[in-house]
């Protein structure tokens, strides 16, 4: 696809992955604070979920704890939730919109995770300052590993 100056592609980061897990499990680990705290963020990070009001208009407050002890408070508002299909949230400071789409195919789940920044420049700043592109990849790898562990622990999700 050819990109133009008006194309949002220059303002976004996107990753896709197909998980060997049913959409019900993928949805559960995305929407439950007790699960998301275990896989969210780049390698070495841990999380404290202060609030996760998972509904349209609900607030999500978490602190990501870097390996060096630096804390990164995060605030988001859920904008659109379509069970087992889509989650959209608005993140503040830096400002971006995250859209995560889920599609079930047999016992697998395809996920498309897109972060749309206000400007191409803001996207570049976040990548340079926080290595957000690498972090996003690591985040999805952690999610994949966590899903695999959950399937091994729970026969009802076995493939």
Protein backbone atom coordinates (compact mmCIF):
# COMPACT_ATOMS: atom_id res chain seq x y z
CA UNK A 1 0.00 0.00 0.00
CA UNK A 2 1.37 3.39 -0.93
CA UNK A 3 1.47 5.86 1.94
CA UNK A 4 0.67 9.52 1.65
CA UNK A 5 1.26 12.42 4.04
CA UNK A 6 -2.34 12.07 5.20
CA UNK A 7 -1.99 8.33 5.82
CA UNK A 8 -2.07 7.37 9.49
CA UNK A 9 0.57 4.72 8.74
CA UNK A 10 3.34 7.23 9.40
CA UNK A 11 1.86 7.91 12.84
CA UNK A 12 1.39 4.35 13.99
CA UNK A 13 3.17 1.33 15.34
CA UNK A 14 1.52 -1.98 14.62
CA UNK A 15 2.19 -5.60 15.38
CA UNK A 16 0.23 -8.72 14.51
CA UNK A 17 0.47 -12.21 15.91
CA UNK A 18 -1.42 -15.47 15.72
CA UNK A 19 -1.59 -17.23 19.07
CA UNK A 20 -2.16 -20.95 19.60
CA UNK A 21 -4.92 -20.08 22.03
CA UNK A 22 -8.68 -19.68 21.80
CA UNK A 23 -10.04 -16.15 21.67
CA UNK A 24 -11.75 -16.65 25.06
CA UNK A 25 -8.38 -17.12 26.76
CA UNK A 26 -6.71 -14.27 24.86
CA UNK A 27 -9.59 -12.00 25.83
CA UNK A 28 -9.42 -13.11 29.47
CA UNK A 29 -5.70 -12.32 29.82
CA UNK A 30 -6.22 -8.93 28.13
CA UNK A 31 -9.18 -7.88 30.26
CA UNK A 32 -8.40 -9.16 33.77
CA UNK A 33 -6.02 -7.12 35.94
CA UNK A 34 -4.69 -10.26 37.64
CA UNK A 35 -3.57 -11.56 34.25
CA UNK A 36 -2.44 -8.40 32.48
CA UNK A 37 -0.14 -7.50 35.37
CA UNK A 38 1.82 -10.68 34.62
CA UNK A 39 2.65 -10.03 30.97
CA UNK A 40 2.28 -6.31 30.25
CA UNK A 41 5.31 -4.29 29.23
CA UNK A 42 8.79 -4.91 27.87
CA UNK A 43 11.19 -7.54 29.19
CA UNK A 44 12.19 -7.02 32.80
CA UNK A 45 9.27 -4.72 33.65
CA UNK A 46 6.73 -5.47 36.36
CA UNK A 47 3.37 -3.79 36.87
CA UNK A 48 1.08 -2.51 39.56
CA UNK A 49 -2.52 -2.21 38.39
CA UNK A 50 -4.16 0.50 40.49
CA UNK A 51 -7.47 0.50 38.64
CA UNK A 52 -8.82 -1.28 35.59
CA UNK A 53 -12.45 -0.34 35.07
CA UNK A 54 -12.95 -2.42 31.94
CA UNK A 55 -15.97 -0.76 30.37
CA UNK A 56 -16.57 2.03 27.86
CA UNK A 57 -15.40 5.23 29.55
CA UNK A 58 -13.62 3.25 32.29
CA UNK A 59 -10.22 4.31 33.56
CA UNK A 60 -7.09 2.16 33.56
CA UNK A 61 -4.31 3.23 35.91
CA UNK A 62 -1.10 1.26 36.14
CA UNK A 63 2.51 1.82 37.04
CA UNK A 64 5.16 0.04 35.03
CA UNK A 65 8.31 -0.64 37.06
CA UNK A 66 11.50 -0.72 34.99
CA UNK A 67 14.37 -3.06 35.91
CA UNK A 68 16.41 -0.03 37.06
CA UNK A 69 13.66 0.95 39.54
CA UNK A 70 12.19 3.78 37.46
CA UNK A 71 8.42 3.98 37.70
CA UNK A 72 6.28 4.88 34.69
CA UNK A 73 2.72 5.83 35.66
CA UNK A 74 0.20 5.20 32.88
CA UNK A 75 -3.36 6.42 32.48
CA UNK A 76 -5.80 5.29 29.82
CA UNK A 77 -9.53 5.49 29.16
CA UNK A 78 -11.37 2.63 27.46
CA UNK A 79 -13.18 4.04 24.41
CA UNK A 80 -14.65 0.95 22.75
CA UNK A 81 -15.05 -2.63 23.88
CA UNK A 82 -16.57 -5.33 21.69
CA UNK A 83 -16.25 -8.61 23.63
CA UNK A 84 -13.84 -11.09 22.03
CA UNK A 85 -13.32 -8.77 19.04
CA UNK A 86 -11.93 -5.33 19.88
CA UNK A 87 -10.47 -3.10 22.60
CA UNK A 88 -9.79 0.60 22.02
CA UNK A 89 -8.21 2.80 24.66
CA UNK A 90 -6.84 6.32 24.77
CA UNK A 91 -3.48 6.64 26.52
CA UNK A 92 -2.33 9.94 27.99
CA UNK A 93 1.19 11.35 28.33
CA UNK A 94 2.24 10.51 25.69
CA UNK A 95 -1.07 10.66 23.89
CA UNK A 96 -2.01 7.85 21.52
CA UNK A 97 -4.95 5.60 20.70
CA UNK A 98 -4.48 1.84 20.96
CA UNK A 99 -6.73 -0.50 19.01
CA UNK A 100 -6.45 -4.24 19.51
CA UNK A 101 -8.49 -6.48 17.21
CA UNK A 102 -8.99 -10.20 17.83
CA UNK A 103 -10.14 -12.75 15.25
CA UNK A 104 -10.67 -16.42 16.02
CA UNK A 105 -9.63 -19.02 13.48
CA UNK A 106 -10.27 -22.56 14.70
CA UNK A 107 -8.43 -22.80 18.02
CA UNK A 108 -6.09 -19.93 17.23
CA UNK A 109 -6.50 -16.20 17.70
CA UNK A 110 -5.16 -13.55 15.36
CA UNK A 111 -4.39 -10.24 17.08
CA UNK A 112 -3.65 -6.89 15.48
CA UNK A 113 -2.33 -4.27 17.92
CA UNK A 114 -2.08 -0.70 16.63
CA UNK A 115 -0.89 2.43 18.43
CA UNK A 116 -1.86 5.65 16.63
CA UNK A 117 0.02 8.80 17.68
CA UNK A 118 -1.15 12.38 17.08
CA UNK A 119 1.84 13.13 14.86
CA UNK A 120 4.63 11.27 13.11
CA UNK A 121 7.07 13.29 15.22
CA UNK A 122 5.49 12.08 18.50
CA UNK A 123 5.77 8.49 17.30
CA UNK A 124 9.46 9.01 16.57
CA UNK A 125 10.08 10.65 19.98
CA UNK A 126 8.46 7.73 21.80
CA UNK A 127 10.48 5.22 19.78
CA UNK A 128 13.77 7.04 20.37
CA UNK A 129 13.20 7.90 24.03
CA UNK A 130 11.60 4.64 25.17
CA UNK A 131 12.39 2.10 22.43
CA UNK A 132 8.63 1.61 22.17
CA UNK A 133 8.94 -0.41 18.96
CA UNK A 134 11.19 -2.97 20.66
CA UNK A 135 9.02 -2.84 23.78
CA UNK A 136 5.87 -3.58 21.79
CA UNK A 137 7.48 -6.66 20.26
CA UNK A 138 8.68 -7.85 23.67
CA UNK A 139 5.22 -7.22 25.11
CA UNK A 140 3.61 -9.48 22.50
CA UNK A 141 6.27 -12.14 23.06
CA UNK A 142 5.52 -12.05 26.80
CA UNK A 143 1.80 -12.34 26.05
CA UNK A 144 2.45 -15.35 23.83
CA UNK A 145 4.51 -17.06 26.54
CA UNK A 146 1.89 -16.29 29.19
CA UNK A 147 -0.89 -17.73 27.02
CA UNK A 148 1.15 -20.90 26.49
CA UNK A 149 1.60 -21.27 30.26
CA UNK A 150 -2.12 -20.78 30.86
CA UNK A 151 -3.00 -23.44 28.28
CA UNK A 152 -0.59 -25.90 29.91
CA UNK A 153 -2.13 -25.19 33.34
CA UNK A 154 -5.76 -25.45 32.30
CA UNK A 155 -7.02 -28.38 30.24
CA UNK A 156 -10.21 -26.58 29.20
CA UNK A 157 -8.05 -24.34 27.01
CA UNK A 158 -5.90 -27.14 25.64
CA UNK A 159 -5.54 -27.32 21.88
